[in-house]
Amino acid sequence: MGFKRLDAEDFVVSADAVQSTAWSTDQPTLTTFFTSSNQKAGSSGNYYLSVYQSNPLNSGASIQFDVAYGNVNGSGSSYFNPNYPNLSPSSTIYGQYRSMILEDENSSFIFGDGDNTLTTKDFYVISLDRARYKESIFPGTLNLSLKGGATTINLTDNSNDVLVQSFIGSSRVFQLVSGSNGNAISANGGYVPNSGSYGLVFPELGTILLNPDAINEKINIAPSRTTNTGNQVNPIKVFNAIKDAGSFQLNSQETITSDYVFVRSRNSEFNYSTNPSFISGSTGEVIFDQFINNPQTYITTVGMYNDANELLAVAKLSRPLLKDFTKESLIRVKLDF
């Protein structure tokens, strides 16, 4: 065993983006969608509907995402108490996402940018289950189809069409537009005239807000905005639009940070071994005379120690590396975290 102190230039930090499928099916596109009658009947069913990739009664079923409806005035769902208007599940949903995204209880959601924008008081929301994405949604992989009657629209984020990142509050955001694979169609930049974009995509939050007015204009699915609407009417509308289209494609991504440590053994280093078989136990001499001037060792393991001589990490070579006075080696150790 030999020791060598590492210098600052022996360390390099690297970050790599890794993507994978978001859905538990391990396929990039989800084509089947189910809801749970038990969840609908429970207290959470008043606020959102959980969507599964298979029948919830099956052992392999798991939640893929939730759908909900938010309205600043509490319309589109039943009031908690008729004596206190504007307070309902839809107002709770609206307030939740306003606090999380806008970070200002007096602000409103604006769909679109430039001259083509629409400020609305309501939205549909698709919230990915936290287990479905790692660090964020991978921009450019979002392809969501919605169907109303005989009409289908294909939506994507506009990540490939923008040169500068946009933020709402502290959250990165892209516009949801008509198109595919992060590119809007040429007509109107994928927007709906006088209605702005189809929604907003927040990659780090795993959240997609849908613009009800733009969607209704294209596939004729209007949200109910009355004060006596059942709590699940609007979430079911957007769920059916997703289910009938049968195509929701999405990947997730994460950044893996790696430390690379370069361990160098020069020609004069690590040529002798402290292995007992290398020397005589009684005299401490090298057993084989040819190893005195021409020793040979094999490097099999690299250990990382701190200044207190505590072993912190061990790297194993795939095969023993021959070392003598005529050879130098450079071993790259990768530490992922």
C-alpha atoms as a PDB file:
ATOM      1  CA  MET A   1       0.000   0.000   0.000  1.00  0.00           C
ATOM      2  CA  GLY A   2       1.279   3.467  -0.870  1.00  0.00           C
ATOM      3  CA  PHE A   3      -0.023   6.960  -0.083  1.00  0.00           C
ATOM      4  CA  LYS A   4       0.053  10.154  -2.109  1.00  0.00           C
ATOM      5  CA  ARG A   5      -1.462  13.560  -1.325  1.00  0.00           C
ATOM      6  CA  LEU A   6      -3.782  14.852  -4.025  1.00  0.00           C
ATOM      7  CA  ASP A   7      -3.502  18.421  -5.286  1.00  0.00           C
ATOM      8  CA  ALA A   8      -6.331  20.831  -6.169  1.00  0.00           C
ATOM      9  CA  GLU A   9      -5.784  20.304  -9.890  1.00  0.00           C
ATOM     10  CA  ASP A  10      -6.465  16.592  -9.430  1.00  0.00           C
ATOM     11  CA  PHE A  11     -10.181  17.335  -8.794  1.00  0.00           C
ATOM     12  CA  VAL A  12     -12.721  18.229 -11.478  1.00  0.00           C
ATOM     13  CA  VAL A  13     -16.469  18.753 -10.939  1.00  0.00           C
ATOM     14  CA  SER A  14     -18.871  17.908 -13.783  1.00  0.00           C
ATOM     15  CA  ALA A  15     -22.654  18.083 -14.130  1.00  0.00           C
ATOM     16  CA  ASP A  16     -24.586  15.919 -16.619  1.00  0.00           C
ATOM     17  CA  ALA A  17     -28.289  16.079 -17.449  1.00  0.00           C
ATOM     18  CA  VAL A  18     -29.954  12.665 -17.521  1.00  0.00           C
ATOM     19  CA  GLN A  19     -33.462  12.090 -18.817  1.00  0.00           C
ATOM     20  CA  SER A  20     -35.866   9.205 -18.424  1.00  0.00           C
ATOM     21  CA  THR A  21     -39.515   8.410 -19.022  1.00  0.00           C
ATOM     22  CA  ALA A  22     -41.905  10.006 -16.563  1.00  0.00           C
ATOM     23  CA  TRP A  23     -44.629   7.389 -16.515  1.00  0.00           C
ATOM     24  CA  SER A  24     -44.532   4.199 -14.460  1.00  0.00           C
ATOM     25  CA  THR A  25     -45.136   2.210 -17.664  1.00  0.00           C
ATOM     26  CA  ASP A  26     -41.514   3.019 -18.670  1.00  0.00           C
ATOM     27  CA  GLN A  27     -42.904   4.251 -21.967  1.00  0.00           C
ATOM     28  CA  PRO A  28     -42.627   7.886 -23.097  1.00  0.00           C
ATOM     29  CA  THR A  29     -46.309   8.062 -24.046  1.00  0.00           C
ATOM     30  CA  LEU A  30     -49.217   7.319 -21.744  1.00  0.00           C
ATOM     31  CA  THR A  31     -52.235   6.064 -23.687  1.00  0.00           C
ATOM     32  CA  THR A  32     -54.664   4.762 -21.056  1.00  0.00           C
ATOM     33  CA  PHE A  33     -56.205   6.771 -18.238  1.00  0.00           C
ATOM     34  CA  PHE A  34     -58.321   5.720 -15.259  1.00  0.00           C
ATOM     35  CA  THR A  35     -59.772   7.355 -12.159  1.00  0.00           C
ATOM     36  CA  SER A  36     -60.625   5.784  -8.810  1.00  0.00           C
ATOM     37  CA  SER A  37     -64.212   5.699  -7.589  1.00  0.00           C
ATOM     38  CA  ASN A  38     -62.931   5.533  -4.020  1.00  0.00           C
ATOM     39  CA  GLN A  39     -60.856   8.662  -4.465  1.00  0.00           C
ATOM     40  CA  LYS A  40     -63.773  10.448  -6.127  1.00  0.00           C
ATOM     41  CA  ALA A  41     -66.029   9.611  -3.194  1.00  0.00           C
ATOM     42  CA  GLY A  42     -63.448  10.688  -0.632  1.00  0.00           C
ATOM     43  CA  SER A  43     -62.841  14.185   0.662  1.00  0.00           C
ATOM     44  CA  SER A  44     -59.962  14.755  -1.780  1.00  0.00           C
ATOM     45  CA  GLY A  45     -62.325  14.118  -4.701  1.00  0.00           C
ATOM     46  CA  ASN A  46     -63.882  17.540  -4.093  1.00  0.00           C
ATOM     47  CA  TYR A  47     -60.585  19.157  -5.010  1.00  0.00           C
ATOM     48  CA  TYR A  48     -58.894  16.966  -7.611  1.00  0.00           C
ATOM     49  CA  LEU A  49     -59.062  13.657  -9.465  1.00  0.00           C
ATOM     50  CA  SER A  50     -56.118  11.279  -9.460  1.00  0.00           C
ATOM     51  CA  VAL A  51     -55.362   9.632 -12.811  1.00  0.00           C
ATOM     52  CA  TYR A  52     -53.874   6.113 -13.057  1.00  0.00           C
ATOM     53  CA  GLN A  53     -52.260   4.255 -15.957  1.00  0.00           C
ATOM     54  CA  SER A  54     -54.445   1.194 -15.360  1.00  0.00           C
ATOM     55  CA  ASN A  55     -57.498   0.159 -13.382  1.00  0.00           C
ATOM     56  CA  PRO A  56     -56.886   1.320  -9.772  1.00  0.00           C
ATOM     57  CA  LEU A  57     -58.037  -2.113  -8.591  1.00  0.00           C
ATOM     58  CA  ASN A  58     -54.991  -3.685 -10.251  1.00  0.00           C
ATOM     59  CA  SER A  59     -51.944  -4.239  -8.076  1.00  0.00           C
ATOM     60  CA  GLY A  60     -49.648  -2.400 -10.502  1.00  0.00           C
ATOM     61  CA  ALA A  61     -51.767   0.737 -10.754  1.00  0.00           C
ATOM     62  CA  SER A  62     -50.155   3.958  -9.551  1.00  0.00           C
ATOM     63  CA  ILE A  63     -51.030   7.638  -9.734  1.00  0.00           C
ATOM     64  CA  GLN A  64     -49.541   9.387 -12.770  1.00  0.00           C
ATOM     65  CA  PHE A  65     -50.981  12.867 -12.308  1.00  0.00           C
ATOM     66  CA  ASP A  66     -53.911  14.804 -10.819  1.00  0.00           C
ATOM     67  CA  VAL A  67     -56.381  17.075 -12.591  1.00  0.00           C
ATOM     68  CA  ALA A  68     -58.220  19.938 -10.947  1.00  0.00           C
ATOM     69  CA  TYR A  69     -60.020  23.218 -11.638  1.00  0.00           C
ATOM     70  CA  GLY A  70     -59.291  26.564 -10.025  1.00  0.00           C
ATOM     71  CA  ASN A  71     -61.437  29.712 -10.053  1.00  0.00           C
ATOM     72  CA  VAL A  72     -60.601  32.906  -8.191  1.00  0.00           C
ATOM     73  CA  ASN A  73     -64.282  33.564  -7.432  1.00  0.00           C
ATOM     74  CA  GLY A  74     -65.017  30.038  -6.271  1.00  0.00           C
ATOM     75  CA  SER A  75     -67.294  29.385  -9.260  1.00  0.00           C
ATOM     76  CA  GLY A  76     -67.367  26.015 -10.939  1.00  0.00           C
ATOM     77  CA  SER A  77     -67.864  24.153  -7.674  1.00  0.00           C
ATOM     78  CA  SER A  78     -70.154  24.222  -4.661  1.00  0.00           C
ATOM     79  CA  TYR A  79     -69.569  26.730  -1.876  1.00  0.00           C
ATOM     80  CA  PHE A  80     -68.444  25.333   1.451  1.00  0.00           C
ATOM     81  CA  ASN A  81     -71.170  27.416   3.106  1.00  0.00           C
ATOM     82  CA  PRO A  82     -73.847  29.351   1.150  1.00  0.00           C
ATOM     83  CA  ASN A  83     -73.556  32.141   3.716  1.00  0.00           C
ATOM     84  CA  TYR A  84     -69.901  32.661   2.739  1.00  0.00           C
ATOM     85  CA  PRO A  85     -69.758  33.074  -1.056  1.00  0.00           C
ATOM     86  CA  ASN A  86     -66.571  32.755  -3.109  1.00  0.00           C
ATOM     87  CA  LEU A  87     -65.202  30.031  -0.823  1.00  0.00           C
ATOM     88  CA  SER A  88     -65.237  26.627  -2.481  1.00  0.00           C
ATOM     89  CA  PRO A  89     -62.860  23.856  -3.629  1.00  0.00           C
ATOM     90  CA  SER A  90     -62.174  25.773  -6.860  1.00  0.00           C
ATOM     91  CA  SER A  91     -61.165  28.917  -4.963  1.00  0.00           C
ATOM     92  CA  THR A  92     -58.939  26.804  -2.733  1.00  0.00           C
ATOM     93  CA  ILE A  93     -57.205  25.306  -5.772  1.00  0.00           C
ATOM     94  CA  TYR A  94     -56.784  28.744  -7.339  1.00  0.00           C
ATOM     95  CA  GLY A  95     -55.321  30.174  -4.146  1.00  0.00           C
ATOM     96  CA  GLN A  96     -52.944  27.239  -3.749  1.00  0.00           C
ATOM     97  CA  TYR A  97     -51.375  27.686  -7.180  1.00  0.00           C
ATOM     98  CA  ARG A  98     -51.450  31.475  -6.985  1.00  0.00           C
ATOM     99  CA  SER A  99     -49.417  31.341  -3.767  1.00  0.00           C
ATOM    100  CA  MET A 100     -47.038  28.714  -5.121  1.00  0.00           C
ATOM    101  CA  ILE A 101     -46.452  30.242  -8.549  1.00  0.00           C
ATOM    102  CA  LEU A 102     -47.346  33.936  -8.541  1.00  0.00           C
ATOM    103  CA  GLU A 103     -46.193  34.409  -4.938  1.00  0.00           C
ATOM    104  CA  ASP A 104     -48.673  37.291  -4.676  1.00  0.00           C
ATOM    105  CA  GLU A 105     -52.301  36.890  -3.612  1.00  0.00           C
ATOM    106  CA  ASN A 106     -53.328  39.954  -5.642  1.00  0.00           C
ATOM    107  CA  SER A 107     -51.882  38.797  -8.984  1.00  0.00           C
ATOM    108  CA  SER A 108     -53.652  36.988 -11.809  1.00  0.00           C
ATOM    109  CA  PHE A 109     -52.522  34.344 -14.278  1.00  0.00           C
ATOM    110  CA  ILE A 110     -51.706  35.590 -17.767  1.00  0.00           C
ATOM    111  CA  PHE A 111     -51.616  33.153 -20.673  1.00  0.00           C
ATOM    112  CA  GLY A 112     -49.451  34.121 -23.646  1.00  0.00           C
ATOM    113  CA  ASP A 113     -46.895  36.878 -24.112  1.00  0.00           C
ATOM    114  CA  GLY A 114     -46.318  39.946 -26.222  1.00  0.00           C
ATOM    115  CA  ASP A 115     -49.482  41.371 -27.745  1.00  0.00           C
ATOM    116  CA  ASN A 116     -51.363  38.075 -27.602  1.00  0.00           C
ATOM    117  CA  THR A 117     -52.241  37.563 -23.940  1.00  0.00           C
ATOM    118  CA  LEU A 118     -55.282  36.750 -21.883  1.00  0.00           C
ATOM    119  CA  THR A 119     -55.749  37.343 -18.166  1.00  0.00           C
ATOM    120  CA  THR A 120     -58.131  34.773 -16.739  1.00  0.00           C
ATOM    121  CA  LYS A 121     -59.789  34.099 -13.430  1.00  0.00           C
ATOM    122  CA  ASP A 122     -59.732  30.312 -13.810  1.00  0.00           C
ATOM    123  CA  PHE A 123     -57.696  27.404 -15.139  1.00  0.00           C
ATOM    124  CA  TYR A 124     -57.514  23.643 -15.393  1.00  0.00           C
ATOM    125  CA  VAL A 125     -54.416  22.161 -13.789  1.00  0.00           C
ATOM    126  CA  ILE A 126     -52.463  18.979 -14.453  1.00  0.00           C
ATOM    127  CA  SER A 127     -50.138  18.235 -11.553  1.00  0.00           C
ATOM    128  CA  LEU A 128     -47.685  15.370 -12.051  1.00  0.00           C
ATOM    129  CA  ASP A 129     -47.325  12.964  -9.164  1.00  0.00           C
ATOM    130  CA  ARG A 130     -43.994  13.689  -7.472  1.00  0.00           C
ATOM    131  CA  ALA A 131     -42.786  10.139  -8.098  1.00  0.00           C
ATOM    132  CA  ARG A 132     -43.197  10.620 -11.854  1.00  0.00           C
ATOM    133  CA  TYR A 133     -40.452  13.163 -12.378  1.00  0.00           C
ATOM    134  CA  LYS A 134     -36.992  13.477 -10.889  1.00  0.00           C
ATOM    135  CA  GLU A 135     -35.804  17.073 -10.907  1.00  0.00           C
ATOM    136  CA  SER A 136     -38.049  18.592 -13.556  1.00  0.00           C
ATOM    137  CA  ILE A 137     -40.031  17.999 -16.723  1.00  0.00           C
ATOM    138  CA  PHE A 138     -37.649  17.753 -19.682  1.00  0.00           C
ATOM    139  CA  PRO A 139     -38.589  20.687 -21.976  1.00  0.00           C
ATOM    140  CA  GLY A 140     -39.321  19.705 -25.536  1.00  0.00           C
ATOM    141  CA  THR A 141     -40.680  16.255 -24.660  1.00  0.00           C
ATOM    142  CA  LEU A 142     -44.164  17.394 -23.657  1.00  0.00           C
ATOM    143  CA  ASN A 143     -46.802  16.339 -26.182  1.00  0.00           C
ATOM    144  CA  LEU A 144     -50.353  16.484 -24.841  1.00  0.00           C
ATOM    145  CA  SER A 145     -53.412  15.735 -26.952  1.00  0.00           C
ATOM    146  CA  LEU A 146     -56.904  16.931 -26.002  1.00  0.00           C
ATOM    147  CA  LYS A 147     -60.079  15.851 -27.764  1.00  0.00           C
ATOM    148  CA  GLY A 148     -63.520  17.383 -27.755  1.00  0.00           C
ATOM    149  CA  GLY A 149     -66.156  15.838 -30.018  1.00  0.00           C
ATOM    150  CA  ALA A 150     -64.428  15.043 -33.310  1.00  0.00           C
ATOM    151  CA  THR A 151     -61.684  17.660 -32.874  1.00  0.00           C
ATOM    152  CA  THR A 152     -58.234  16.991 -31.417  1.00  0.00           C
ATOM    153  CA  ILE A 153     -55.517  19.503 -30.596  1.00  0.00           C
ATOM    154  CA  ASN A 154     -51.868  18.606 -30.030  1.00  0.00           C
ATOM    155  CA  LEU A 155     -50.062  20.782 -27.514  1.00  0.00           C
ATOM    156  CA  THR A 156     -46.422  21.198 -26.481  1.00  0.00           C
ATOM    157  CA  ASP A 157     -44.213  23.644 -24.632  1.00  0.00           C
ATOM    158  CA  ASN A 158     -42.480  26.312 -26.718  1.00  0.00           C
ATOM    159  CA  SER A 159     -39.012  25.631 -25.257  1.00  0.00           C
ATOM    160  CA  ASN A 160     -37.336  25.318 -28.676  1.00  0.00           C
ATOM    161  CA  ASP A 161     -38.800  28.604 -29.910  1.00  0.00           C
ATOM    162  CA  VAL A 162     -37.588  30.887 -27.137  1.00  0.00           C
ATOM    163  CA  LEU A 163     -34.060  32.217 -26.760  1.00  0.00           C
ATOM    164  CA  VAL A 164     -34.411  33.648 -23.261  1.00  0.00           C
ATOM    165  CA  GLN A 165     -35.735  31.771 -20.225  1.00  0.00           C
ATOM    166  CA  SER A 166     -38.907  33.233 -18.709  1.00  0.00           C
ATOM    167  CA  PHE A 167     -39.877  33.143 -15.054  1.00  0.00           C
ATOM    168  CA  ILE A 168     -43.043  33.803 -13.108  1.00  0.00           C
ATOM    169  CA  GLY A 169     -41.977  34.545  -9.583  1.00  0.00           C
ATOM    170  CA  SER A 170     -39.087  32.159  -9.010  1.00  0.00           C
ATOM    171  CA  SER A 171     -40.505  29.437 -11.299  1.00  0.00           C
ATOM    172  CA  ARG A 172     -39.246  28.825 -14.836  1.00  0.00           C
ATOM    173  CA  VAL A 173     -42.126  28.807 -17.302  1.00  0.00           C
ATOM    174  CA  PHE A 174     -42.894  27.972 -20.933  1.00  0.00           C
ATOM    175  CA  GLN A 175     -46.048  28.670 -22.896  1.00  0.00           C
ATOM    176  CA  LEU A 176     -48.243  25.718 -23.877  1.00  0.00           C
ATOM    177  CA  VAL A 177     -48.848  26.055 -27.603  1.00  0.00           C
ATOM    178  CA  SER A 178     -50.181  24.106 -30.539  1.00  0.00           C
ATOM    179  CA  GLY A 179     -47.321  22.070 -31.969  1.00  0.00           C
ATOM    180  CA  SER A 180     -45.044  19.161 -31.078  1.00  0.00           C
ATOM    181  CA  ASN A 181     -41.694  18.377 -29.447  1.00  0.00           C
ATOM    182  CA  GLY A 182     -41.126  21.889 -28.133  1.00  0.00           C
ATOM    183  CA  ASN A 183     -41.892  23.623 -31.449  1.00  0.00           C
ATOM    184  CA  ALA A 184     -45.025  25.651 -32.103  1.00  0.00           C
ATOM    185  CA  ILE A 185     -46.844  25.465 -35.401  1.00  0.00           C
ATOM    186  CA  SER A 186     -46.191  28.466 -37.628  1.00  0.00           C
ATOM    187  CA  ALA A 187     -49.740  29.830 -37.482  1.00  0.00           C
ATOM    188  CA  ASN A 188     -49.891  32.513 -34.749  1.00  0.00           C
ATOM    189  CA  GLY A 189     -46.937  30.916 -33.019  1.00  0.00           C
ATOM    190  CA  GLY A 190     -49.231  28.180 -31.744  1.00  0.00           C
ATOM    191  CA  TYR A 191     -51.407  30.694 -29.882  1.00  0.00           C
ATOM    192  CA  VAL A 192     -55.158  31.255 -30.145  1.00  0.00           C
ATOM    193  CA  PRO A 193     -56.028  34.751 -31.407  1.00  0.00           C
ATOM    194  CA  ASN A 194     -57.503  36.884 -28.595  1.00  0.00           C
ATOM    195  CA  SER A 195     -57.135  34.005 -26.123  1.00  0.00           C
ATOM    196  CA  GLY A 196     -53.381  33.814 -25.638  1.00  0.00           C
ATOM    197  CA  SER A 197     -51.626  30.491 -25.238  1.00  0.00           C
ATOM    198  CA  TYR A 198     -53.186  27.162 -24.328  1.00  0.00           C
ATOM    199  CA  GLY A 199     -51.543  27.280 -20.940  1.00  0.00           C
ATOM    200  CA  LEU A 200     -48.354  27.505 -18.903  1.00  0.00           C
ATOM    201  CA  VAL A 201     -45.770  24.784 -18.234  1.00  0.00           C
ATOM    202  CA  PHE A 202     -43.643  24.893 -15.079  1.00  0.00           C
ATOM    203  CA  PRO A 203     -40.905  22.236 -15.469  1.00  0.00           C
ATOM    204  CA  GLU A 204     -39.488  22.344 -11.935  1.00  0.00           C
ATOM    205  CA  LEU A 205     -42.960  22.247 -10.366  1.00  0.00           C
ATOM    206  CA  GLY A 206     -44.236  19.402 -12.542  1.00  0.00           C
ATOM    207  CA  THR A 207     -47.304  21.544 -13.214  1.00  0.00           C
ATOM    208  CA  ILE A 208     -49.272  22.408 -16.347  1.00  0.00           C
ATOM    209  CA  LEU A 209     -51.973  25.097 -16.210  1.00  0.00           C
ATOM    210  CA  LEU A 210     -54.500  24.939 -19.045  1.00  0.00           C
ATOM    211  CA  ASN A 211     -56.260  28.020 -20.405  1.00  0.00           C
ATOM    212  CA  PRO A 212     -59.996  27.121 -20.505  1.00  0.00           C
ATOM    213  CA  ASP A 213     -60.884  29.849 -23.025  1.00  0.00           C
ATOM    214  CA  ALA A 214     -58.268  28.840 -25.606  1.00  0.00           C
ATOM    215  CA  ILE A 215     -59.125  25.150 -25.251  1.00  0.00           C
ATOM    216  CA  ASN A 216     -62.860  25.831 -25.520  1.00  0.00           C
ATOM    217  CA  GLU A 217     -62.354  27.877 -28.677  1.00  0.00           C
ATOM    218  CA  LYS A 218     -60.622  24.957 -30.389  1.00  0.00           C
ATOM    219  CA  ILE A 219     -62.392  21.826 -29.126  1.00  0.00           C
ATOM    220  CA  ASN A 220     -65.577  23.298 -27.626  1.00  0.00           C
ATOM    221  CA  ILE A 221     -65.068  22.254 -23.999  1.00  0.00           C
ATOM    222  CA  ALA A 222     -66.240  25.104 -21.809  1.00  0.00           C
ATOM    223  CA  PRO A 223     -65.823  24.979 -18.034  1.00  0.00           C
ATOM    224  CA  SER A 224     -68.908  25.424 -15.905  1.00  0.00           C
ATOM    225  CA  ARG A 225     -68.642  28.752 -14.082  1.00  0.00           C
ATOM    226  CA  THR A 226     -71.861  28.693 -12.110  1.00  0.00           C
ATOM    227  CA  THR A 227     -71.966  28.706  -8.319  1.00  0.00           C
ATOM    228  CA  ASN A 228     -73.883  25.466  -7.913  1.00  0.00           C
ATOM    229  CA  THR A 229     -71.695  23.237 -10.091  1.00  0.00           C
ATOM    230  CA  GLY A 230     -70.717  19.862  -8.714  1.00  0.00           C
ATOM    231  CA  ASN A 231     -67.129  19.824  -7.504  1.00  0.00           C
ATOM    232  CA  GLN A 232     -65.996  17.212 -10.027  1.00  0.00           C
ATOM    233  CA  VAL A 233     -67.712  18.529 -13.149  1.00  0.00           C
ATOM    234  CA  ASN A 234     -64.783  20.569 -14.467  1.00  0.00           C
ATOM    235  CA  PRO A 235     -61.981  18.131 -13.523  1.00  0.00           C
ATOM    236  CA  ILE A 236     -63.939  15.373 -15.286  1.00  0.00           C
ATOM    237  CA  LYS A 237     -64.186  17.531 -18.426  1.00  0.00           C
ATOM    238  CA  VAL A 238     -60.443  17.910 -18.768  1.00  0.00           C
ATOM    239  CA  PHE A 239     -59.891  14.264 -17.784  1.00  0.00           C
ATOM    240  CA  ASN A 240     -62.242  13.109 -20.548  1.00  0.00           C
ATOM    241  CA  ALA A 241     -60.461  15.378 -23.055  1.00  0.00           C
ATOM    242  CA  ILE A 242     -57.164  13.696 -22.170  1.00  0.00           C
ATOM    243  CA  LYS A 243     -58.617  10.188 -22.071  1.00  0.00           C
ATOM    244  CA  ASP A 244     -60.458  10.501 -25.396  1.00  0.00           C
ATOM    245  CA  ALA A 245     -57.324  11.766 -27.173  1.00  0.00           C
ATOM    246  CA  GLY A 246     -55.289   8.933 -25.626  1.00  0.00           C
ATOM    247  CA  SER A 247     -51.801  10.412 -25.909  1.00  0.00           C
ATOM    248  CA  PHE A 248     -49.764  12.159 -23.222  1.00  0.00           C
ATOM    249  CA  GLN A 249     -46.003  12.109 -23.820  1.00  0.00           C
ATOM    250  CA  LEU A 250     -43.523  13.345 -21.255  1.00  0.00           C
ATOM    251  CA  ASN A 251     -39.969  12.757 -20.031  1.00  0.00           C
ATOM    252  CA  SER A 252     -38.278  13.880 -16.852  1.00  0.00           C
ATOM    253  CA  GLN A 253     -34.710  15.012 -16.280  1.00  0.00           C
ATOM    254  CA  GLU A 254     -32.238  15.448 -13.471  1.00  0.00           C
ATOM    255  CA  THR A 255     -28.754  16.847 -13.144  1.00  0.00           C
ATOM    256  CA  ILE A 256     -26.207  14.421 -11.738  1.00  0.00           C
ATOM    257  CA  THR A 257     -23.143  16.088 -10.280  1.00  0.00           C
ATOM    258  CA  SER A 258     -19.943  14.086 -10.392  1.00  0.00           C
ATOM    259  CA  ASP A 259     -16.538  14.593  -8.826  1.00  0.00           C
ATOM    260  CA  TYR A 260     -13.673  13.300 -10.945  1.00  0.00           C
ATOM    261  CA  VAL A 261     -10.461  12.557  -9.090  1.00  0.00           C
ATOM    262  CA  PHE A 262      -7.333  11.966 -11.178  1.00  0.00           C
ATOM    263  CA  VAL A 263      -4.855   9.727  -9.395  1.00  0.00           C
ATOM    264  CA  ARG A 264      -1.407   9.714 -11.004  1.00  0.00           C
ATOM    265  CA  SER A 265       1.330   7.181 -10.357  1.00  0.00           C
ATOM    266  CA  ARG A 266       4.630   8.296 -11.843  1.00  0.00           C
ATOM    267  CA  ASN A 267       7.357   5.911 -12.980  1.00  0.00           C
ATOM    268  CA  SER A 268       9.148   6.073  -9.621  1.00  0.00           C
ATOM    269  CA  GLU A 269       6.042   5.591  -7.483  1.00  0.00           C
ATOM    270  CA  PHE A 270       4.149   2.517  -6.243  1.00  0.00           C
ATOM    271  CA  ASN A 271       6.652   0.024  -7.625  1.00  0.00           C
ATOM    272  CA  TYR A 272       7.182  -1.798  -4.343  1.00  0.00           C
ATOM    273  CA  SER A 273       4.524  -3.571  -2.330  1.00  0.00           C
ATOM    274  CA  THR A 274       4.048  -3.847   1.432  1.00  0.00           C
ATOM    275  CA  ASN A 275       2.446  -7.239   0.916  1.00  0.00           C
ATOM    276  CA  PRO A 276       4.152  -9.765   3.246  1.00  0.00           C
ATOM    277  CA  SER A 277       4.755 -12.106   0.310  1.00  0.00           C
ATOM    278  CA  PHE A 278       7.012  -9.461  -1.269  1.00  0.00           C
ATOM    279  CA  ILE A 279       9.641  -9.431   1.497  1.00  0.00           C
ATOM    280  CA  SER A 280      11.195 -11.794   3.972  1.00  0.00           C
ATOM    281  CA  GLY A 281       9.473 -11.788   7.324  1.00  0.00           C
ATOM    282  CA  SER A 282      12.690 -12.406   9.246  1.00  0.00           C
ATOM    283  CA  THR A 283      15.126 -10.035   7.524  1.00  0.00           C
ATOM    284  CA  GLY A 284      12.807  -7.567   5.763  1.00  0.00           C
ATOM    285  CA  GLU A 285      14.650  -8.102   2.477  1.00  0.00           C
ATOM    286  CA  VAL A 286      13.067  -8.495  -0.939  1.00  0.00           C
ATOM    287  CA  ILE A 287      12.621 -12.210  -1.463  1.00  0.00           C
ATOM    288  CA  PHE A 288      13.322 -12.259  -5.205  1.00  0.00           C
ATOM    289  CA  ASP A 289      16.528 -10.553  -6.299  1.00  0.00           C
ATOM    290  CA  GLN A 290      15.077  -9.491  -9.647  1.00  0.00           C
ATOM    291  CA  PHE A 291      12.535  -7.340  -7.790  1.00  0.00           C
ATOM    292  CA  ILE A 292      15.285  -5.207  -6.247  1.00  0.00           C
ATOM    293  CA  ASN A 293      16.131  -3.220  -9.355  1.00  0.00           C
ATOM    294  CA  ASN A 294      13.191  -4.265 -11.523  1.00  0.00           C
ATOM    295  CA  PRO A 295      10.158  -4.662  -9.260  1.00  0.00           C
ATOM    296  CA  GLN A 296       6.645  -5.330 -10.577  1.00  0.00           C
ATOM    297  CA  THR A 297       3.385  -4.651  -8.768  1.00  0.00           C
ATOM    298  CA  TYR A 298      -0.273  -4.669  -9.729  1.00  0.00           C
ATOM    299  CA  ILE A 299      -2.613  -1.796  -8.854  1.00  0.00           C
ATOM    300  CA  THR A 300      -6.084  -3.138  -8.039  1.00  0.00           C
ATOM    301  CA  THR A 301      -7.668  -0.580  -5.701  1.00  0.00           C
ATOM    302  CA  VAL A 302      -7.628   3.167  -5.073  1.00  0.00           C
ATOM    303  CA  GLY A 303      -8.619   4.352  -1.606  1.00  0.00           C
ATOM    304  CA  MET A 304      -9.543   7.940  -0.729  1.00  0.00           C
ATOM    305  CA  TYR A 305      -8.407   9.113   2.716  1.00  0.00           C
ATOM    306  CA  ASN A 306      -8.876  12.373   4.576  1.00  0.00           C
ATOM    307  CA  ASP A 307      -6.233  14.192   6.602  1.00  0.00           C
ATOM    308  CA  ALA A 308      -7.148  12.103   9.654  1.00  0.00           C
ATOM    309  CA  ASN A 309      -6.188   8.989   7.677  1.00  0.00           C
ATOM    310  CA  GLU A 310      -9.846   7.835   7.572  1.00  0.00           C
ATOM    311  CA  LEU A 311     -10.919   5.829   4.532  1.00  0.00           C
ATOM    312  CA  LEU A 312     -13.792   7.681   2.798  1.00  0.00           C
ATOM    313  CA  ALA A 313     -14.201   5.920  -0.555  1.00  0.00           C
ATOM    314  CA  VAL A 314     -12.845   2.926  -2.439  1.00  0.00           C
ATOM    315  CA  ALA A 315     -12.537   2.535  -6.204  1.00  0.00           C
ATOM    316  CA  LYS A 316     -11.944  -0.896  -7.718  1.00  0.00           C
ATOM    317  CA  LEU A 317     -10.223  -1.261 -11.083  1.00  0.00           C
ATOM    318  CA  SER A 318     -11.861  -3.515 -13.635  1.00  0.00           C
ATOM    319  CA  ARG A 319      -8.577  -5.445 -13.969  1.00  0.00           C
ATOM    320  CA  PRO A 320      -5.174  -5.318 -12.213  1.00  0.00           C
ATOM    321  CA  LEU A 321      -2.851  -2.678 -13.663  1.00  0.00           C
ATOM    322  CA  LEU A 322       0.816  -3.672 -14.050  1.00  0.00           C
ATOM    323  CA  LYS A 323       3.251  -1.118 -12.642  1.00  0.00           C
ATOM    324  CA  ASP A 324       7.088  -0.898 -12.766  1.00  0.00           C
ATOM    325  CA  PHE A 325       9.790   1.750 -13.247  1.00  0.00           C
ATOM    326  CA  THR A 326       9.075   1.956 -16.977  1.00  0.00           C
ATOM    327  CA  LYS A 327       5.357   2.672 -16.643  1.00  0.00           C
ATOM    328  CA  GLU A 328       3.193   5.527 -15.462  1.00  0.00           C
ATOM    329  CA  SER A 329      -0.559   5.409 -14.954  1.00  0.00           C
ATOM    330  CA  LEU A 330      -3.449   7.843 -14.654  1.00  0.00           C
ATOM    331  CA  ILE A 331      -6.565   6.518 -12.949  1.00  0.00           C
ATOM    332  CA  ARG A 332      -9.785   8.517 -13.106  1.00  0.00           C
ATOM    333  CA  VAL A 333     -12.125   7.975 -10.162  1.00  0.00           C
ATOM    334  CA  LYS A 334     -15.734   9.148 -10.552  1.00  0.00           C
ATOM    335  CA  LEU A 335     -17.824  10.013  -7.507  1.00  0.00           C
ATOM    336  CA  ASP A 336     -21.564  10.562  -8.159  1.00  0.00           C
ATOM    337  CA  PHE A 337     -23.825  12.299  -5.684  1.00  0.00           C
END
